[in-house]
C-alpha atoms as a PDB file:
ATOM      1  CA  UNK A   1     -21.981  23.206  10.140  1.00  0.00           C
ATOM      2  CA  UNK A   2     -22.905  20.704   7.666  1.00  0.00           C
ATOM      3  CA  UNK A   3     -23.846  16.964   7.967  1.00  0.00           C
ATOM      4  CA  UNK A   4     -24.521  14.479   5.872  1.00  0.00           C
ATOM      5  CA  UNK A   5     -26.368  11.162   6.621  1.00  0.00           C
ATOM      6  CA  UNK A   6     -26.481  12.808  10.699  1.00  0.00           C
ATOM      7  CA  UNK A   7     -22.269  12.391  11.078  1.00  0.00           C
ATOM      8  CA  UNK A   8     -20.405  15.528  11.670  1.00  0.00           C
ATOM      9  CA  UNK A   9     -17.342  16.540   9.704  1.00  0.00           C
ATOM     10  CA  UNK A  10     -15.357  18.526  12.616  1.00  0.00           C
ATOM     11  CA  UNK A  11     -14.331  21.704  11.363  1.00  0.00           C
ATOM     12  CA  UNK A  12     -12.489  23.645  14.062  1.00  0.00           C
ATOM     13  CA  UNK A  13     -10.604  27.104  14.604  1.00  0.00           C
ATOM     14  CA  UNK A  14      -7.598  26.990  16.546  1.00  0.00           C
ATOM     15  CA  UNK A  15      -6.855  31.156  16.713  1.00  0.00           C
ATOM     16  CA  UNK A  16      -6.384  30.670  20.659  1.00  0.00           C
ATOM     17  CA  UNK A  17      -6.242  27.331  22.512  1.00  0.00           C
ATOM     18  CA  UNK A  18      -4.870  24.327  20.744  1.00  0.00           C
ATOM     19  CA  UNK A  19      -5.217  22.245  23.285  1.00  0.00           C
ATOM     20  CA  UNK A  20      -9.213  22.191  23.543  1.00  0.00           C
ATOM     21  CA  UNK A  21     -10.548  18.494  22.596  1.00  0.00           C
ATOM     22  CA  UNK A  22     -12.333  19.362  19.417  1.00  0.00           C
ATOM     23  CA  UNK A  23     -15.648  18.006  18.735  1.00  0.00           C
ATOM     24  CA  UNK A  24     -15.900  14.075  18.304  1.00  0.00           C
ATOM     25  CA  UNK A  25     -15.036  12.586  14.831  1.00  0.00           C
ATOM     26  CA  UNK A  26     -17.091   9.351  14.074  1.00  0.00           C
ATOM     27  CA  UNK A  27     -14.847   6.395  13.798  1.00  0.00           C
ATOM     28  CA  UNK A  28     -14.534   6.336   9.667  1.00  0.00           C
ATOM     29  CA  UNK A  29     -14.999  10.609   9.511  1.00  0.00           C
ATOM     30  CA  UNK A  30     -12.845  13.197   9.243  1.00  0.00           C
ATOM     31  CA  UNK A  31     -11.046  16.605  10.945  1.00  0.00           C
ATOM     32  CA  UNK A  32     -10.661  19.640   9.724  1.00  0.00           C
ATOM     33  CA  UNK A  33      -8.338  21.880  11.292  1.00  0.00           C
ATOM     34  CA  UNK A  34      -7.977  25.474  10.624  1.00  0.00           C
ATOM     35  CA  UNK A  35      -5.166  26.604  12.258  1.00  0.00           C
ATOM     36  CA  UNK A  36      -5.005  30.079  11.461  1.00  0.00           C
ATOM     37  CA  UNK A  37      -1.027  30.175  10.837  1.00  0.00           C
ATOM     38  CA  UNK A  38       0.548  30.170   6.781  1.00  0.00           C
ATOM     39  CA  UNK A  39       3.489  29.103   8.665  1.00  0.00           C
ATOM     40  CA  UNK A  40       2.128  25.647   9.195  1.00  0.00           C
ATOM     41  CA  UNK A  41       4.818  23.190   7.487  1.00  0.00           C
ATOM     42  CA  UNK A  42       4.035  19.851   8.795  1.00  0.00           C
ATOM     43  CA  UNK A  43       1.141  17.749  10.828  1.00  0.00           C
ATOM     44  CA  UNK A  44       1.310  14.402  12.385  1.00  0.00           C
ATOM     45  CA  UNK A  45      -0.959  12.177  13.769  1.00  0.00           C
ATOM     46  CA  UNK A  46       1.552   9.435  15.135  1.00  0.00           C
ATOM     47  CA  UNK A  47       3.168   8.335  12.147  1.00  0.00           C
ATOM     48  CA  UNK A  48       1.074   9.469   9.828  1.00  0.00           C
ATOM     49  CA  UNK A  49       1.982  12.328   7.587  1.00  0.00           C
ATOM     50  CA  UNK A  50      -0.991  14.481   7.315  1.00  0.00           C
ATOM     51  CA  UNK A  51      -2.236  17.073   4.254  1.00  0.00           C
ATOM     52  CA  UNK A  52      -1.490  20.466   4.898  1.00  0.00           C
ATOM     53  CA  UNK A  53      -2.565  23.400   2.763  1.00  0.00           C
ATOM     54  CA  UNK A  54      -0.974  26.927   2.200  1.00  0.00           C
ATOM     55  CA  UNK A  55      -3.257  28.627   4.473  1.00  0.00           C
ATOM     56  CA  UNK A  56      -2.660  26.518   7.550  1.00  0.00           C
ATOM     57  CA  UNK A  57      -5.704  24.003   7.266  1.00  0.00           C
ATOM     58  CA  UNK A  58      -5.000  20.610   8.110  1.00  0.00           C
ATOM     59  CA  UNK A  59      -7.033  17.382   7.565  1.00  0.00           C
ATOM     60  CA  UNK A  60      -7.457  14.355  10.037  1.00  0.00           C
ATOM     61  CA  UNK A  61      -8.817  10.943   8.550  1.00  0.00           C
ATOM     62  CA  UNK A  62     -10.172   8.941  11.270  1.00  0.00           C
ATOM     63  CA  UNK A  63     -10.366   4.704  10.873  1.00  0.00           C
ATOM     64  CA  UNK A  64     -13.227   3.261  11.045  1.00  0.00           C
ATOM     65  CA  UNK A  65     -11.328   0.673  13.621  1.00  0.00           C
ATOM     66  CA  UNK A  66      -9.720   3.830  15.581  1.00  0.00           C
ATOM     67  CA  UNK A  67     -10.349   3.442  19.834  1.00  0.00           C
ATOM     68  CA  UNK A  68     -12.749   5.556  20.604  1.00  0.00           C
ATOM     69  CA  UNK A  69     -11.319   8.391  22.370  1.00  0.00           C
ATOM     70  CA  UNK A  70      -8.312  11.188  22.675  1.00  0.00           C
ATOM     71  CA  UNK A  71      -6.527  11.255  19.561  1.00  0.00           C
ATOM     72  CA  UNK A  72      -3.402  13.762  19.524  1.00  0.00           C
ATOM     73  CA  UNK A  73      -2.051  15.744  16.799  1.00  0.00           C
ATOM     74  CA  UNK A  74       1.262  17.541  16.732  1.00  0.00           C
ATOM     75  CA  UNK A  75       1.710  20.708  14.827  1.00  0.00           C
ATOM     76  CA  UNK A  76       5.058  21.583  13.967  1.00  0.00           C
ATOM     77  CA  UNK A  77       5.714  25.548  12.662  1.00  0.00           C
ATOM     78  CA  UNK A  78       8.199  26.778  10.503  1.00  0.00           C
ATOM     79  CA  UNK A  79       9.792  29.167  13.439  1.00  0.00           C
ATOM     80  CA  UNK A  80      10.492  25.620  15.387  1.00  0.00           C
ATOM     81  CA  UNK A  81       7.783  25.730  17.644  1.00  0.00           C
ATOM     82  CA  UNK A  82       5.293  22.389  18.188  1.00  0.00           C
ATOM     83  CA  UNK A  83       1.614  22.245  19.319  1.00  0.00           C
ATOM     84  CA  UNK A  84      -0.675  19.698  20.278  1.00  0.00           C
ATOM     85  CA  UNK A  85      -3.858  19.110  19.186  1.00  0.00           C
ATOM     86  CA  UNK A  86      -6.642  16.685  20.343  1.00  0.00           C
ATOM     87  CA  UNK A  87      -9.449  15.013  18.557  1.00  0.00           C
ATOM     88  CA  UNK A  88     -11.995  13.220  20.489  1.00  0.00           C
ATOM     89  CA  UNK A  89     -12.788   9.768  18.192  1.00  0.00           C
ATOM     90  CA  UNK A  90     -16.989   8.753  18.821  1.00  0.00           C
ATOM     91  CA  UNK A  91     -17.785   5.308  18.268  1.00  0.00           C
ATOM     92  CA  UNK A  92     -19.765   4.322  15.824  1.00  0.00           C
ATOM     93  CA  UNK A  93     -21.730   1.232  15.030  1.00  0.00           C
ATOM     94  CA  UNK A  94     -21.884  -0.481  11.827  1.00  0.00           C
ATOM     95  CA  UNK A  95     -24.471  -2.782   9.933  1.00  0.00           C
ATOM     96  CA  UNK A  96     -23.710  -6.414   8.546  1.00  0.00           C
ATOM     97  CA  UNK A  97     -24.881  -6.896   5.536  1.00  0.00           C
ATOM     98  CA  UNK A  98     -25.132 -10.255   3.803  1.00  0.00           C
ATOM     99  CA  UNK A  99     -24.536 -10.520  -0.044  1.00  0.00           C
ATOM    100  CA  UNK A 100     -24.425 -13.722  -2.771  1.00  0.00           C
ATOM    101  CA  UNK A 101     -21.495 -13.117  -5.040  1.00  0.00           C
ATOM    102  CA  UNK A 102     -21.835 -15.821  -8.163  1.00  0.00           C
ATOM    103  CA  UNK A 103     -18.814 -16.419  -8.978  1.00  0.00           C
ATOM    104  CA  UNK A 104     -17.300 -18.521  -6.380  1.00  0.00           C
ATOM    105  CA  UNK A 105     -13.754 -17.907  -7.053  1.00  0.00           C
ATOM    106  CA  UNK A 106     -14.454 -14.265  -5.903  1.00  0.00           C
ATOM    107  CA  UNK A 107     -15.506 -15.811  -2.590  1.00  0.00           C
ATOM    108  CA  UNK A 108     -12.839 -18.398  -2.504  1.00  0.00           C
ATOM    109  CA  UNK A 109     -10.039 -17.113  -5.248  1.00  0.00           C
ATOM    110  CA  UNK A 110      -7.688 -19.868  -6.019  1.00  0.00           C
ATOM    111  CA  UNK A 111      -3.804 -19.632  -6.096  1.00  0.00           C
ATOM    112  CA  UNK A 112      -3.563 -18.050  -9.018  1.00  0.00           C
ATOM    113  CA  UNK A 113      -6.382 -15.413  -8.562  1.00  0.00           C
ATOM    114  CA  UNK A 114      -4.407 -14.869  -5.591  1.00  0.00           C
ATOM    115  CA  UNK A 115      -0.994 -14.180  -6.802  1.00  0.00           C
ATOM    116  CA  UNK A 116      -3.438 -12.291  -9.179  1.00  0.00           C
ATOM    117  CA  UNK A 117      -4.547 -10.093  -6.660  1.00  0.00           C
ATOM    118  CA  UNK A 118      -1.710  -9.342  -4.839  1.00  0.00           C
ATOM    119  CA  UNK A 119       0.176  -8.096  -7.870  1.00  0.00           C
ATOM    120  CA  UNK A 120      -2.854  -5.710  -8.540  1.00  0.00           C
ATOM    121  CA  UNK A 121      -2.561  -4.656  -4.561  1.00  0.00           C
ATOM    122  CA  UNK A 122       1.051  -3.745  -4.307  1.00  0.00           C
ATOM    123  CA  UNK A 123      -0.158  -1.064  -7.696  1.00  0.00           C
ATOM    124  CA  UNK A 124      -3.126   0.526  -5.340  1.00  0.00           C
ATOM    125  CA  UNK A 125      -0.649   0.573  -2.414  1.00  0.00           C
ATOM    126  CA  UNK A 126       2.209   2.368  -4.143  1.00  0.00           C
ATOM    127  CA  UNK A 127      -0.671   4.953  -5.487  1.00  0.00           C
ATOM    128  CA  UNK A 128      -2.083   5.195  -1.646  1.00  0.00           C
ATOM    129  CA  UNK A 129       1.038   5.647   0.075  1.00  0.00           C
ATOM    130  CA  UNK A 130       1.943   8.552  -2.445  1.00  0.00           C
ATOM    131  CA  UNK A 131       2.342  12.200  -0.635  1.00  0.00           C
ATOM    132  CA  UNK A 132       2.802  15.777  -3.360  1.00  0.00           C
ATOM    133  CA  UNK A 133       2.643  18.977  -2.284  1.00  0.00           C
ATOM    134  CA  UNK A 134      -1.071  20.531  -1.690  1.00  0.00           C
ATOM    135  CA  UNK A 135      -1.925  24.142  -1.907  1.00  0.00           C
ATOM    136  CA  UNK A 136      -5.699  23.576  -1.625  1.00  0.00           C
ATOM    137  CA  UNK A 137      -7.786  21.109  -0.120  1.00  0.00           C
ATOM    138  CA  UNK A 138     -10.214  19.102  -2.479  1.00  0.00           C
ATOM    139  CA  UNK A 139     -13.152  19.661  -0.691  1.00  0.00           C
ATOM    140  CA  UNK A 140     -16.382  19.676  -1.118  1.00  0.00           C
ATOM    141  CA  UNK A 141     -16.275  16.361  -3.326  1.00  0.00           C
ATOM    142  CA  UNK A 142     -18.479  15.517  -5.684  1.00  0.00           C
ATOM    143  CA  UNK A 143     -20.583  11.898  -6.072  1.00  0.00           C
ATOM    144  CA  UNK A 144     -18.907  10.144  -8.873  1.00  0.00           C
ATOM    145  CA  UNK A 145     -22.077   9.063  -9.788  1.00  0.00           C
ATOM    146  CA  UNK A 146     -25.599   9.628  -9.356  1.00  0.00           C
ATOM    147  CA  UNK A 147     -28.045   6.877  -8.155  1.00  0.00           C
ATOM    148  CA  UNK A 148     -29.007   4.741  -4.787  1.00  0.00           C
ATOM    149  CA  UNK A 149     -26.743   4.171  -1.905  1.00  0.00           C
ATOM    150  CA  UNK A 150     -26.493   0.305  -1.955  1.00  0.00           C
ATOM    151  CA  UNK A 151     -23.208  -0.459  -0.105  1.00  0.00           C
ATOM    152  CA  UNK A 152     -22.790   1.874   3.112  1.00  0.00           C
ATOM    153  CA  UNK A 153     -18.856   2.402   3.996  1.00  0.00           C
ATOM    154  CA  UNK A 154     -18.145   0.301   7.560  1.00  0.00           C
ATOM    155  CA  UNK A 155     -20.220  -2.700   6.408  1.00  0.00           C
ATOM    156  CA  UNK A 156     -19.483  -5.763   8.171  1.00  0.00           C
ATOM    157  CA  UNK A 157     -20.358  -7.711   5.061  1.00  0.00           C
ATOM    158  CA  UNK A 158     -20.486 -11.659   4.509  1.00  0.00           C
ATOM    159  CA  UNK A 159     -20.292 -13.182   0.811  1.00  0.00           C
ATOM    160  CA  UNK A 160     -22.199 -16.161   0.385  1.00  0.00           C
ATOM    161  CA  UNK A 161     -22.581 -16.389   4.345  1.00  0.00           C
ATOM    162  CA  UNK A 162     -18.863 -16.423   4.752  1.00  0.00           C
ATOM    163  CA  UNK A 163     -17.413 -13.289   6.891  1.00  0.00           C
ATOM    164  CA  UNK A 164     -15.327 -10.826   5.158  1.00  0.00           C
ATOM    165  CA  UNK A 165     -13.747  -7.436   5.738  1.00  0.00           C
ATOM    166  CA  UNK A 166     -15.350  -4.093   6.315  1.00  0.00           C
ATOM    167  CA  UNK A 167     -16.696  -2.790   2.952  1.00  0.00           C
ATOM    168  CA  UNK A 168     -13.762   0.482   3.082  1.00  0.00           C
ATOM    169  CA  UNK A 169     -15.926   2.536   0.126  1.00  0.00           C
ATOM    170  CA  UNK A 170     -19.444   3.747  -0.624  1.00  0.00           C
ATOM    171  CA  UNK A 171     -21.250   1.955  -3.382  1.00  0.00           C
ATOM    172  CA  UNK A 172     -23.705   3.959  -5.391  1.00  0.00           C
ATOM    173  CA  UNK A 173     -26.358   1.868  -7.931  1.00  0.00           C
ATOM    174  CA  UNK A 174     -26.935   2.950 -11.435  1.00  0.00           C
ATOM    175  CA  UNK A 175     -27.967   1.656 -14.720  1.00  0.00           C
ATOM    176  CA  UNK A 176     -25.104   0.185 -16.791  1.00  0.00           C
ATOM    177  CA  UNK A 177     -23.178   2.636 -19.005  1.00  0.00           C
ATOM    178  CA  UNK A 178     -24.094   5.798 -16.350  1.00  0.00           C
ATOM    179  CA  UNK A 179     -21.329   8.660 -16.530  1.00  0.00           C
ATOM    180  CA  UNK A 180     -18.783   7.944 -13.656  1.00  0.00           C
ATOM    181  CA  UNK A 181     -16.718  11.364 -12.988  1.00  0.00           C
ATOM    182  CA  UNK A 182     -13.962  13.099 -10.642  1.00  0.00           C
ATOM    183  CA  UNK A 183     -15.017  13.423  -7.014  1.00  0.00           C
ATOM    184  CA  UNK A 184     -12.020  16.312  -7.049  1.00  0.00           C
ATOM    185  CA  UNK A 185      -9.620  17.477  -9.315  1.00  0.00           C
ATOM    186  CA  UNK A 186      -6.089  15.402  -9.630  1.00  0.00           C
ATOM    187  CA  UNK A 187      -3.971  13.134 -11.711  1.00  0.00           C
ATOM    188  CA  UNK A 188      -4.969   9.728 -12.990  1.00  0.00           C
ATOM    189  CA  UNK A 189      -2.000   7.609 -11.094  1.00  0.00           C
ATOM    190  CA  UNK A 190      -3.640   3.974 -12.488  1.00  0.00           C
ATOM    191  CA  UNK A 191      -6.651   2.623 -14.460  1.00  0.00           C
ATOM    192  CA  UNK A 192      -6.748  -1.533 -15.052  1.00  0.00           C
ATOM    193  CA  UNK A 193      -9.008  -4.284 -14.931  1.00  0.00           C
ATOM    194  CA  UNK A 194      -8.219  -6.040 -11.422  1.00  0.00           C
ATOM    195  CA  UNK A 195      -9.915  -9.190 -10.146  1.00  0.00           C
ATOM    196  CA  UNK A 196     -11.677  -7.963  -7.288  1.00  0.00           C
ATOM    197  CA  UNK A 197     -12.256  -4.570  -8.331  1.00  0.00           C
ATOM    198  CA  UNK A 198     -12.844  -4.525 -12.058  1.00  0.00           C
ATOM    199  CA  UNK A 199     -11.716  -1.993 -14.628  1.00  0.00           C
ATOM    200  CA  UNK A 200     -11.086   0.641 -12.641  1.00  0.00           C
ATOM    201  CA  UNK A 201      -9.608   4.708 -11.964  1.00  0.00           C
ATOM    202  CA  UNK A 202      -7.055   5.754  -9.208  1.00  0.00           C
ATOM    203  CA  UNK A 203      -6.948  10.086  -9.014  1.00  0.00           C
ATOM    204  CA  UNK A 204      -4.291  11.146  -6.684  1.00  0.00           C
ATOM    205  CA  UNK A 205      -6.086  14.345  -5.307  1.00  0.00           C
ATOM    206  CA  UNK A 206      -2.693  15.902  -3.430  1.00  0.00           C
ATOM    207  CA  UNK A 207      -1.214  15.354  -0.401  1.00  0.00           C
ATOM    208  CA  UNK A 208      -2.184  11.377   0.114  1.00  0.00           C
ATOM    209  CA  UNK A 209      -5.664  12.003  -0.599  1.00  0.00           C
ATOM    210  CA  UNK A 210      -6.975   9.243  -2.876  1.00  0.00           C
ATOM    211  CA  UNK A 211     -10.256   8.452  -4.565  1.00  0.00           C
ATOM    212  CA  UNK A 212     -10.581   4.571  -6.548  1.00  0.00           C
ATOM    213  CA  UNK A 213     -13.606   4.533  -8.587  1.00  0.00           C
ATOM    214  CA  UNK A 214     -14.232   0.444  -8.735  1.00  0.00           C
ATOM    215  CA  UNK A 215     -16.162  -1.989 -11.233  1.00  0.00           C
ATOM    216  CA  UNK A 216     -16.165   0.240 -14.544  1.00  0.00           C
ATOM    217  CA  UNK A 217     -17.977  -1.334 -18.071  1.00  0.00           C
ATOM    218  CA  UNK A 218     -15.383   1.180 -19.448  1.00  0.00           C
ATOM    219  CA  UNK A 219     -12.588   3.458 -18.360  1.00  0.00           C
ATOM    220  CA  UNK A 220     -12.224   6.666 -19.853  1.00  0.00           C
ATOM    221  CA  UNK A 221      -9.557   8.863 -18.422  1.00  0.00           C
ATOM    222  CA  UNK A 222      -6.017   7.624 -19.321  1.00  0.00           C
ATOM    223  CA  UNK A 223      -3.146   6.958 -16.389  1.00  0.00           C
ATOM    224  CA  UNK A 224      -1.168  10.769 -16.486  1.00  0.00           C
ATOM    225  CA  UNK A 225      -4.306  12.411 -17.259  1.00  0.00           C
ATOM    226  CA  UNK A 226      -4.742  15.864 -15.006  1.00  0.00           C
ATOM    227  CA  UNK A 227      -8.719  16.005 -14.388  1.00  0.00           C
ATOM    228  CA  UNK A 228     -10.833  18.630 -12.818  1.00  0.00           C
ATOM    229  CA  UNK A 229     -14.052  18.193 -10.568  1.00  0.00           C
ATOM    230  CA  UNK A 230     -16.940  16.898 -12.483  1.00  0.00           C
ATOM    231  CA  UNK A 231     -14.643  15.412 -15.344  1.00  0.00           C
ATOM    232  CA  UNK A 232     -15.568  11.827 -17.161  1.00  0.00           C
ATOM    233  CA  UNK A 233     -13.480   8.618 -15.706  1.00  0.00           C
ATOM    234  CA  UNK A 234     -15.376   5.723 -16.590  1.00  0.00           C
ATOM    235  CA  UNK A 235     -18.692   4.391 -16.933  1.00  0.00           C
ATOM    236  CA  UNK A 236     -20.825   2.111 -14.363  1.00  0.00           C
ATOM    237  CA  UNK A 237     -20.981  -1.687 -15.184  1.00  0.00           C
ATOM    238  CA  UNK A 238     -20.742  -4.966 -13.093  1.00  0.00           C
ATOM    239  CA  UNK A 239     -16.866  -5.936 -13.421  1.00  0.00           C
ATOM    240  CA  UNK A 240     -14.605  -7.533 -10.940  1.00  0.00           C
ATOM    241  CA  UNK A 241     -16.788  -9.111  -7.620  1.00  0.00           C
ATOM    242  CA  UNK A 242     -20.416  -7.234  -7.716  1.00  0.00           C
ATOM    243  CA  UNK A 243     -23.973  -8.339  -7.283  1.00  0.00           C
ATOM    244  CA  UNK A 244     -25.137  -5.825  -9.793  1.00  0.00           C
ATOM    245  CA  UNK A 245     -24.036  -2.625 -11.410  1.00  0.00           C
ATOM    246  CA  UNK A 246     -22.482  -0.052  -9.348  1.00  0.00           C
ATOM    247  CA  UNK A 247     -19.311   2.316  -8.428  1.00  0.00           C
ATOM    248  CA  UNK A 248     -17.317   1.576  -5.468  1.00  0.00           C
ATOM    249  CA  UNK A 249     -15.942   4.364  -4.132  1.00  0.00           C
ATOM    250  CA  UNK A 250     -13.270   4.459  -1.731  1.00  0.00           C
ATOM    251  CA  UNK A 251     -11.509   7.658  -0.429  1.00  0.00           C
ATOM    252  CA  UNK A 252      -8.218   7.285   1.434  1.00  0.00           C
ATOM    253  CA  UNK A 253      -6.254   9.627   2.974  1.00  0.00           C
ATOM    254  CA  UNK A 254      -2.698   9.070   4.191  1.00  0.00           C
ATOM    255  CA  UNK A 255      -3.600   5.020   3.379  1.00  0.00           C
ATOM    256  CA  UNK A 256      -6.302   5.805   5.255  1.00  0.00           C
ATOM    257  CA  UNK A 257     -10.017   4.453   4.532  1.00  0.00           C
ATOM    258  CA  UNK A 258     -12.545   7.423   5.172  1.00  0.00           C
ATOM    259  CA  UNK A 259     -16.584   7.936   4.489  1.00  0.00           C
ATOM    260  CA  UNK A 260     -16.733   9.166   1.704  1.00  0.00           C
ATOM    261  CA  UNK A 261     -20.440  11.077   2.684  1.00  0.00           C
ATOM    262  CA  UNK A 262     -18.686  12.987   4.693  1.00  0.00           C
ATOM    263  CA  UNK A 263     -16.455  14.089   2.440  1.00  0.00           C
ATOM    264  CA  UNK A 264     -19.143  15.556   0.358  1.00  0.00           C
ATOM    265  CA  UNK A 265     -20.241  18.294   3.038  1.00  0.00           C
ATOM    266  CA  UNK A 266     -16.355  19.646   3.688  1.00  0.00           C
ATOM    267  CA  UNK A 267     -16.062  23.147   3.057  1.00  0.00           C
ATOM    268  CA  UNK A 268     -13.117  24.470   0.492  1.00  0.00           C
END
């Protein structure tokens, strides 16, 4: 089994018993379940609809704040049968990071800024909540640019000594103008210049799997464009709330933010 940054992506074969508790999956991680049944029609984690492929593979996202312990997945098949499977969520310790932001409005937005943010957040939420059919999982993904990891997933952040939410993606520092590529194939669902995220591209990979790439100096891709893994979509910049040029990569599955590093090692 492959690993990345010491965290395991649980790759499971369920040919015999679907009731066995899986290997532990860290908070913010992914569980890849291969049921071996092509008649799998749906999979759910509580109210969350999970991505399912024609081959019977299921991706289970684990929220960074999920309670440690057993979580159960419902698997529904074309013949009307239903099976349950369990994944054991492992607690993960996230570091703290303190950053100094030059633009104080990016720390304490005024009312106009907040109204703009609300409009932009609604546009992003619409993309994150989309769900289309998926013939094959978009893994393994590739890094959107080459560079130093300057901000890890899940880090608890303080901006100008004020506490803010946990970091929901992976930051990769690179010189301004460096190419940013699509981590996997998909449809460009949204582009724009947003208050916090700067110039961004959101790519819908299918079945609720979405990449958001932020802080670009230039957006190259256009909304509605079909992109393949490795296609140029933009260039590294320092737009929005930043301390220097980098690309922020958020990976979301069904609206659940997960660690993009793990997606680099998941098999097709």
